[in-house]
Amino acid sequence: MGTLIFSATVILVVVGFSNHTLWLAAIVLLFLYVRYGRTGGSTSTAGSPGPAPQGSGGPPGAAGRPDSSYRAYRDRRDRQARWERRYRRERPLEARRQERQN
């Protein structure tokens, strides 16, 4: 994904060498990539409420990392299930709205 974004940015800069609008588009593209594209957890599955903010008790940064053993997988899965139950308990209206969307 990052390679695609950087390639598009370079193309916008080269093609728009005399067109400042394309330079602005390249800057906006890079800004959006840095702001939203680098987290990796931006796409959530249908059943999960999305990535947890840091420091809020959610699973700490285990989004794309493969587990080294079955026990690590089970621990991560159990932590995620506890987090989702807590989320639904503390935010019932938001949880119902998300269930209606899916």
N, C-alpha and C. Protein backbone atom coordinates (compact mmCIF):
# COMPACT_ATOMS: atom_id res chain seq x y z
N MET A 1 0.83 -1.19 0.00
CA MET A 1 0.00 0.00 0.00
C MET A 1 0.87 1.25 0.00
N GLY A 2 1.92 1.23 0.81
CA GLY A 2 2.79 2.38 0.88
C GLY A 2 3.50 2.64 -0.43
N THR A 3 3.90 1.57 -1.12
CA THR A 3 4.58 1.71 -2.40
C THR A 3 3.65 2.35 -3.42
N LEU A 4 2.39 1.95 -3.41
CA LEU A 4 1.41 2.52 -4.33
C LEU A 4 1.21 4.01 -4.06
N ILE A 5 1.12 4.38 -2.80
CA ILE A 5 0.92 5.79 -2.44
C ILE A 5 2.13 6.62 -2.87
N PHE A 6 3.33 6.12 -2.58
CA PHE A 6 4.53 6.87 -2.96
C PHE A 6 4.69 6.95 -4.46
N SER A 7 4.33 5.89 -5.18
CA SER A 7 4.40 5.93 -6.64
C SER A 7 3.42 6.96 -7.20
N ALA A 8 2.22 6.98 -6.66
CA ALA A 8 1.22 7.97 -7.11
C ALA A 8 1.69 9.38 -6.80
N THR A 9 2.34 9.56 -5.66
CA THR A 9 2.85 10.89 -5.30
C THR A 9 3.93 11.34 -6.29
N VAL A 10 4.85 10.44 -6.60
CA VAL A 10 5.92 10.78 -7.54
C VAL A 10 5.33 11.09 -8.92
N ILE A 11 4.36 10.31 -9.35
CA ILE A 11 3.72 10.57 -10.65
C ILE A 11 3.04 11.92 -10.64
N LEU A 12 2.32 12.25 -9.55
CA LEU A 12 1.66 13.56 -9.48
C LEU A 12 2.67 14.70 -9.52
N VAL A 13 3.79 14.52 -8.87
CA VAL A 13 4.82 15.57 -8.87
C VAL A 13 5.45 15.72 -10.26
N VAL A 14 5.76 14.59 -10.89
CA VAL A 14 6.41 14.65 -12.21
C VAL A 14 5.45 15.19 -13.27
N VAL A 15 4.23 14.69 -13.29
CA VAL A 15 3.27 15.13 -14.30
C VAL A 15 2.87 16.59 -14.05
N GLY A 16 2.73 16.95 -12.81
CA GLY A 16 2.30 18.30 -12.51
C GLY A 16 3.43 19.23 -12.16
N PHE A 17 4.56 19.11 -12.85
CA PHE A 17 5.73 19.91 -12.51
C PHE A 17 5.43 21.40 -12.62
N SER A 18 4.59 21.79 -13.57
CA SER A 18 4.25 23.21 -13.70
C SER A 18 2.83 23.50 -13.21
N ASN A 19 2.13 22.46 -12.75
CA ASN A 19 0.75 22.64 -12.28
C ASN A 19 0.72 22.50 -10.76
N HIS A 20 0.48 23.58 -10.09
CA HIS A 20 0.51 23.57 -8.63
C HIS A 20 -0.64 22.78 -8.01
N THR A 21 -1.71 22.59 -8.74
CA THR A 21 -2.84 21.82 -8.23
C THR A 21 -2.44 20.36 -8.03
N LEU A 22 -1.66 19.81 -8.95
CA LEU A 22 -1.22 18.43 -8.81
C LEU A 22 -0.22 18.29 -7.67
N TRP A 23 0.59 19.32 -7.43
CA TRP A 23 1.48 19.30 -6.27
C TRP A 23 0.66 19.25 -4.99
N LEU A 24 -0.38 20.05 -4.96
CA LEU A 24 -1.26 20.07 -3.79
C LEU A 24 -1.92 18.70 -3.60
N ALA A 25 -2.33 18.07 -4.69
CA ALA A 25 -2.93 16.73 -4.60
C ALA A 25 -1.91 15.72 -4.05
N ALA A 26 -0.65 15.84 -4.46
CA ALA A 26 0.39 14.94 -3.94
C ALA A 26 0.59 15.15 -2.45
N ILE A 27 0.57 16.39 -2.01
CA ILE A 27 0.73 16.68 -0.58
C ILE A 27 -0.45 16.13 0.22
N VAL A 28 -1.65 16.31 -0.31
CA VAL A 28 -2.84 15.79 0.37
C VAL A 28 -2.79 14.26 0.43
N LEU A 29 -2.35 13.64 -0.64
CA LEU A 29 -2.24 12.18 -0.66
C LEU A 29 -1.26 11.68 0.40
N LEU A 30 -0.12 12.33 0.50
CA LEU A 30 0.85 11.95 1.53
C LEU A 30 0.31 12.20 2.93
N PHE A 31 -0.39 13.32 3.12
CA PHE A 31 -0.97 13.61 4.42
C PHE A 31 -1.99 12.53 4.82
N LEU A 32 -2.86 12.17 3.90
CA LEU A 32 -3.86 11.15 4.21
C LEU A 32 -3.22 9.80 4.49
N TYR A 33 -2.13 9.49 3.78
CA TYR A 33 -1.44 8.23 4.04
C TYR A 33 -0.82 8.23 5.43
N VAL A 34 -0.17 9.33 5.79
CA VAL A 34 0.45 9.39 7.12
C VAL A 34 -0.61 9.39 8.20
N ARG A 35 -1.70 10.08 7.98
CA ARG A 35 -2.75 10.21 8.99
C ARG A 35 -3.55 8.93 9.17
N TYR A 36 -3.96 8.28 8.08
CA TYR A 36 -4.88 7.15 8.17
C TYR A 36 -4.32 5.83 7.65
N GLY A 37 -3.36 5.86 6.76
CA GLY A 37 -2.93 4.64 6.09
C GLY A 37 -1.87 3.84 6.81
N ARG A 38 -1.14 4.43 7.73
CA ARG A 38 -0.01 3.75 8.35
C ARG A 38 -0.41 2.90 9.53
N THR A 39 -1.63 3.03 10.05
CA THR A 39 -2.01 2.31 11.25
C THR A 39 -2.20 0.83 11.00
N GLY A 40 -2.62 0.44 9.83
CA GLY A 40 -2.81 -0.96 9.54
C GLY A 40 -4.08 -1.53 10.10
N GLY A 41 -4.60 -0.97 11.17
CA GLY A 41 -5.84 -1.42 11.76
C GLY A 41 -7.02 -0.62 11.32
N SER A 42 -6.86 0.17 10.27
CA SER A 42 -7.93 1.00 9.84
C SER A 42 -9.07 0.24 9.23
N THR A 43 -8.83 -0.94 8.68
CA THR A 43 -9.91 -1.77 8.18
C THR A 43 -10.26 -2.77 9.27
N SER A 44 -11.48 -2.70 9.75
CA SER A 44 -11.89 -3.62 10.81
C SER A 44 -12.79 -4.70 10.22
N THR A 45 -12.81 -5.84 10.87
CA THR A 45 -13.65 -6.92 10.40
C THR A 45 -15.10 -6.62 10.75
N ALA A 46 -16.02 -7.42 10.24
CA ALA A 46 -17.44 -7.14 10.42
C ALA A 46 -17.87 -7.23 11.87
N GLY A 47 -17.28 -8.11 12.66
CA GLY A 47 -17.74 -8.29 14.02
C GLY A 47 -17.02 -7.45 15.06
N SER A 48 -15.89 -6.85 14.70
CA SER A 48 -15.13 -6.12 15.70
C SER A 48 -15.44 -4.64 15.64
N PRO A 49 -15.37 -3.95 16.78
CA PRO A 49 -15.69 -2.54 16.82
C PRO A 49 -14.59 -1.66 16.25
N GLY A 50 -13.47 -2.21 15.89
CA GLY A 50 -12.38 -1.42 15.33
C GLY A 50 -11.20 -1.42 16.28
N PRO A 51 -10.13 -0.77 15.87
CA PRO A 51 -8.95 -0.77 16.71
C PRO A 51 -9.15 0.07 17.96
N ALA A 52 -8.56 -0.37 19.04
CA ALA A 52 -8.70 0.34 20.30
C ALA A 52 -7.67 1.45 20.38
N PRO A 53 -8.03 2.60 20.93
CA PRO A 53 -7.05 3.65 21.11
C PRO A 53 -5.99 3.23 22.11
N GLN A 54 -4.78 3.71 21.95
CA GLN A 54 -3.69 3.35 22.84
C GLN A 54 -3.98 3.87 24.24
N GLY A 55 -3.66 3.08 25.24
CA GLY A 55 -3.83 3.50 26.62
C GLY A 55 -5.24 3.36 27.14
N SER A 56 -6.14 2.74 26.38
CA SER A 56 -7.52 2.63 26.84
C SER A 56 -7.87 1.21 27.26
N GLY A 57 -6.89 0.35 27.40
CA GLY A 57 -7.16 -1.00 27.87
C GLY A 57 -7.38 -2.01 26.75
N GLY A 58 -7.27 -1.59 25.51
CA GLY A 58 -7.47 -2.49 24.39
C GLY A 58 -6.24 -3.33 24.14
N PRO A 59 -6.28 -4.18 23.14
CA PRO A 59 -5.13 -5.02 22.84
C PRO A 59 -3.98 -4.16 22.34
N PRO A 60 -2.80 -4.26 22.94
CA PRO A 60 -1.70 -3.37 22.59
C PRO A 60 -0.97 -3.77 21.32
N GLY A 61 -1.27 -3.12 20.22
CA GLY A 61 -0.52 -3.21 18.98
C GLY A 61 -0.34 -4.58 18.38
N ALA A 62 -1.24 -5.51 18.57
CA ALA A 62 -1.08 -6.86 18.02
C ALA A 62 -1.85 -7.02 16.73
N ALA A 63 -2.07 -5.93 16.00
CA ALA A 63 -2.96 -5.96 14.84
C ALA A 63 -2.49 -6.91 13.75
N GLY A 64 -1.29 -6.75 13.20
CA GLY A 64 -0.89 -7.55 12.07
C GLY A 64 0.20 -8.55 12.38
N ARG A 65 0.52 -8.77 13.63
CA ARG A 65 1.64 -9.62 14.00
C ARG A 65 1.19 -11.07 14.12
N PRO A 66 1.88 -11.99 13.45
CA PRO A 66 1.51 -13.40 13.60
C PRO A 66 1.93 -13.91 14.98
N ASP A 67 1.14 -14.80 15.55
CA ASP A 67 1.44 -15.34 16.87
C ASP A 67 2.49 -16.43 16.77
N SER A 68 3.36 -16.49 17.78
CA SER A 68 4.45 -17.45 17.73
C SER A 68 4.01 -18.84 18.18
N SER A 69 2.92 -18.91 18.93
CA SER A 69 2.45 -20.21 19.38
C SER A 69 0.93 -20.17 19.53
N TYR A 70 0.36 -21.33 19.72
CA TYR A 70 -1.09 -21.40 19.89
C TYR A 70 -1.52 -20.70 21.17
N ARG A 71 -0.70 -20.80 22.22
CA ARG A 71 -1.03 -20.14 23.48
C ARG A 71 -1.07 -18.62 23.30
N ALA A 72 -0.11 -18.07 22.56
CA ALA A 72 -0.11 -16.63 22.31
C ALA A 72 -1.34 -16.23 21.52
N TYR A 73 -1.73 -17.07 20.54
CA TYR A 73 -2.94 -16.81 19.77
C TYR A 73 -4.17 -16.82 20.67
N ARG A 74 -4.27 -17.83 21.54
CA ARG A 74 -5.42 -17.92 22.45
C ARG A 74 -5.48 -16.73 23.39
N ASP A 75 -4.33 -16.34 23.93
CA ASP A 75 -4.29 -15.18 24.83
C ASP A 75 -4.74 -13.91 24.12
N ARG A 76 -4.25 -13.72 22.90
CA ARG A 76 -4.65 -12.54 22.14
C ARG A 76 -6.13 -12.57 21.81
N ARG A 77 -6.63 -13.74 21.42
CA ARG A 77 -8.05 -13.87 21.09
C ARG A 77 -8.92 -13.62 22.32
N ASP A 78 -8.51 -14.13 23.48
CA ASP A 78 -9.28 -13.91 24.71
C ASP A 78 -9.27 -12.45 25.13
N ARG A 79 -8.10 -11.79 24.99
CA ARG A 79 -8.04 -10.36 25.30
C ARG A 79 -8.95 -9.56 24.38
N GLN A 80 -8.98 -9.91 23.09
CA GLN A 80 -9.84 -9.22 22.14
C GLN A 80 -11.30 -9.45 22.48
N ALA A 81 -11.68 -10.66 22.85
CA ALA A 81 -13.07 -10.95 23.22
C ALA A 81 -13.47 -10.16 24.46
N ARG A 82 -12.58 -10.11 25.46
CA ARG A 82 -12.88 -9.31 26.66
C ARG A 82 -13.04 -7.85 26.32
N TRP A 83 -12.19 -7.35 25.43
CA TRP A 83 -12.27 -5.94 25.02
C TRP A 83 -13.60 -5.67 24.32
N GLU A 84 -14.01 -6.57 23.42
CA GLU A 84 -15.27 -6.36 22.70
C GLU A 84 -16.46 -6.43 23.63
N ARG A 85 -16.45 -7.35 24.60
CA ARG A 85 -17.55 -7.40 25.58
C ARG A 85 -17.60 -6.13 26.41
N ARG A 86 -16.44 -5.63 26.82
CA ARG A 86 -16.40 -4.39 27.60
C ARG A 86 -16.91 -3.22 26.76
N TYR A 87 -16.52 -3.18 25.49
CA TYR A 87 -16.97 -2.11 24.60
C TYR A 87 -18.48 -2.12 24.48
N ARG A 88 -19.06 -3.30 24.27
CA ARG A 88 -20.53 -3.39 24.15
C ARG A 88 -21.22 -3.02 25.44
N ARG A 89 -20.64 -3.37 26.58
CA ARG A 89 -21.24 -3.06 27.87
C ARG A 89 -21.18 -1.56 28.16
N GLU A 90 -20.06 -0.92 27.84
CA GLU A 90 -19.89 0.49 28.16
C GLU A 90 -20.53 1.41 27.13
N ARG A 91 -20.72 0.94 25.92
CA ARG A 91 -21.29 1.77 24.86
C ARG A 91 -22.41 1.01 24.14
N PRO A 92 -23.53 0.79 24.82
CA PRO A 92 -24.58 -0.05 24.22
C PRO A 92 -25.20 0.58 22.97
N LEU A 93 -25.36 1.89 22.94
CA LEU A 93 -25.98 2.51 21.77
C LEU A 93 -25.07 2.40 20.55
N GLU A 94 -23.78 2.63 20.75
CA GLU A 94 -22.83 2.52 19.65
C GLU A 94 -22.74 1.07 19.16
N ALA A 95 -22.74 0.12 20.09
CA ALA A 95 -22.66 -1.29 19.70
C ALA A 95 -23.89 -1.70 18.89
N ARG A 96 -25.07 -1.22 19.31
CA ARG A 96 -26.30 -1.56 18.55
C ARG A 96 -26.26 -0.93 17.15
N ARG A 97 -25.74 0.31 17.07
CA ARG A 97 -25.67 0.97 15.77
C ARG A 97 -24.73 0.20 14.85
N GLN A 98 -23.61 -0.27 15.37
CA GLN A 98 -22.66 -1.03 14.56
C GLN A 98 -23.25 -2.36 14.13
N GLU A 99 -24.03 -2.99 14.99
CA GLU A 99 -24.65 -4.27 14.62
C GLU A 99 -25.69 -4.06 13.53
N ARG A 100 -26.42 -2.94 13.57
CA ARG A 100 -27.40 -2.65 12.52
C ARG A 100 -26.74 -2.41 11.19
N GLN A 101 -25.56 -1.81 11.18
CA GLN A 101 -24.86 -1.55 9.92
C GLN A 101 -24.39 -2.84 9.28
N ASN A 102 -24.06 -3.82 10.06
CA ASN A 102 -23.52 -5.07 9.50
C ASN A 102 -24.61 -6.00 9.26
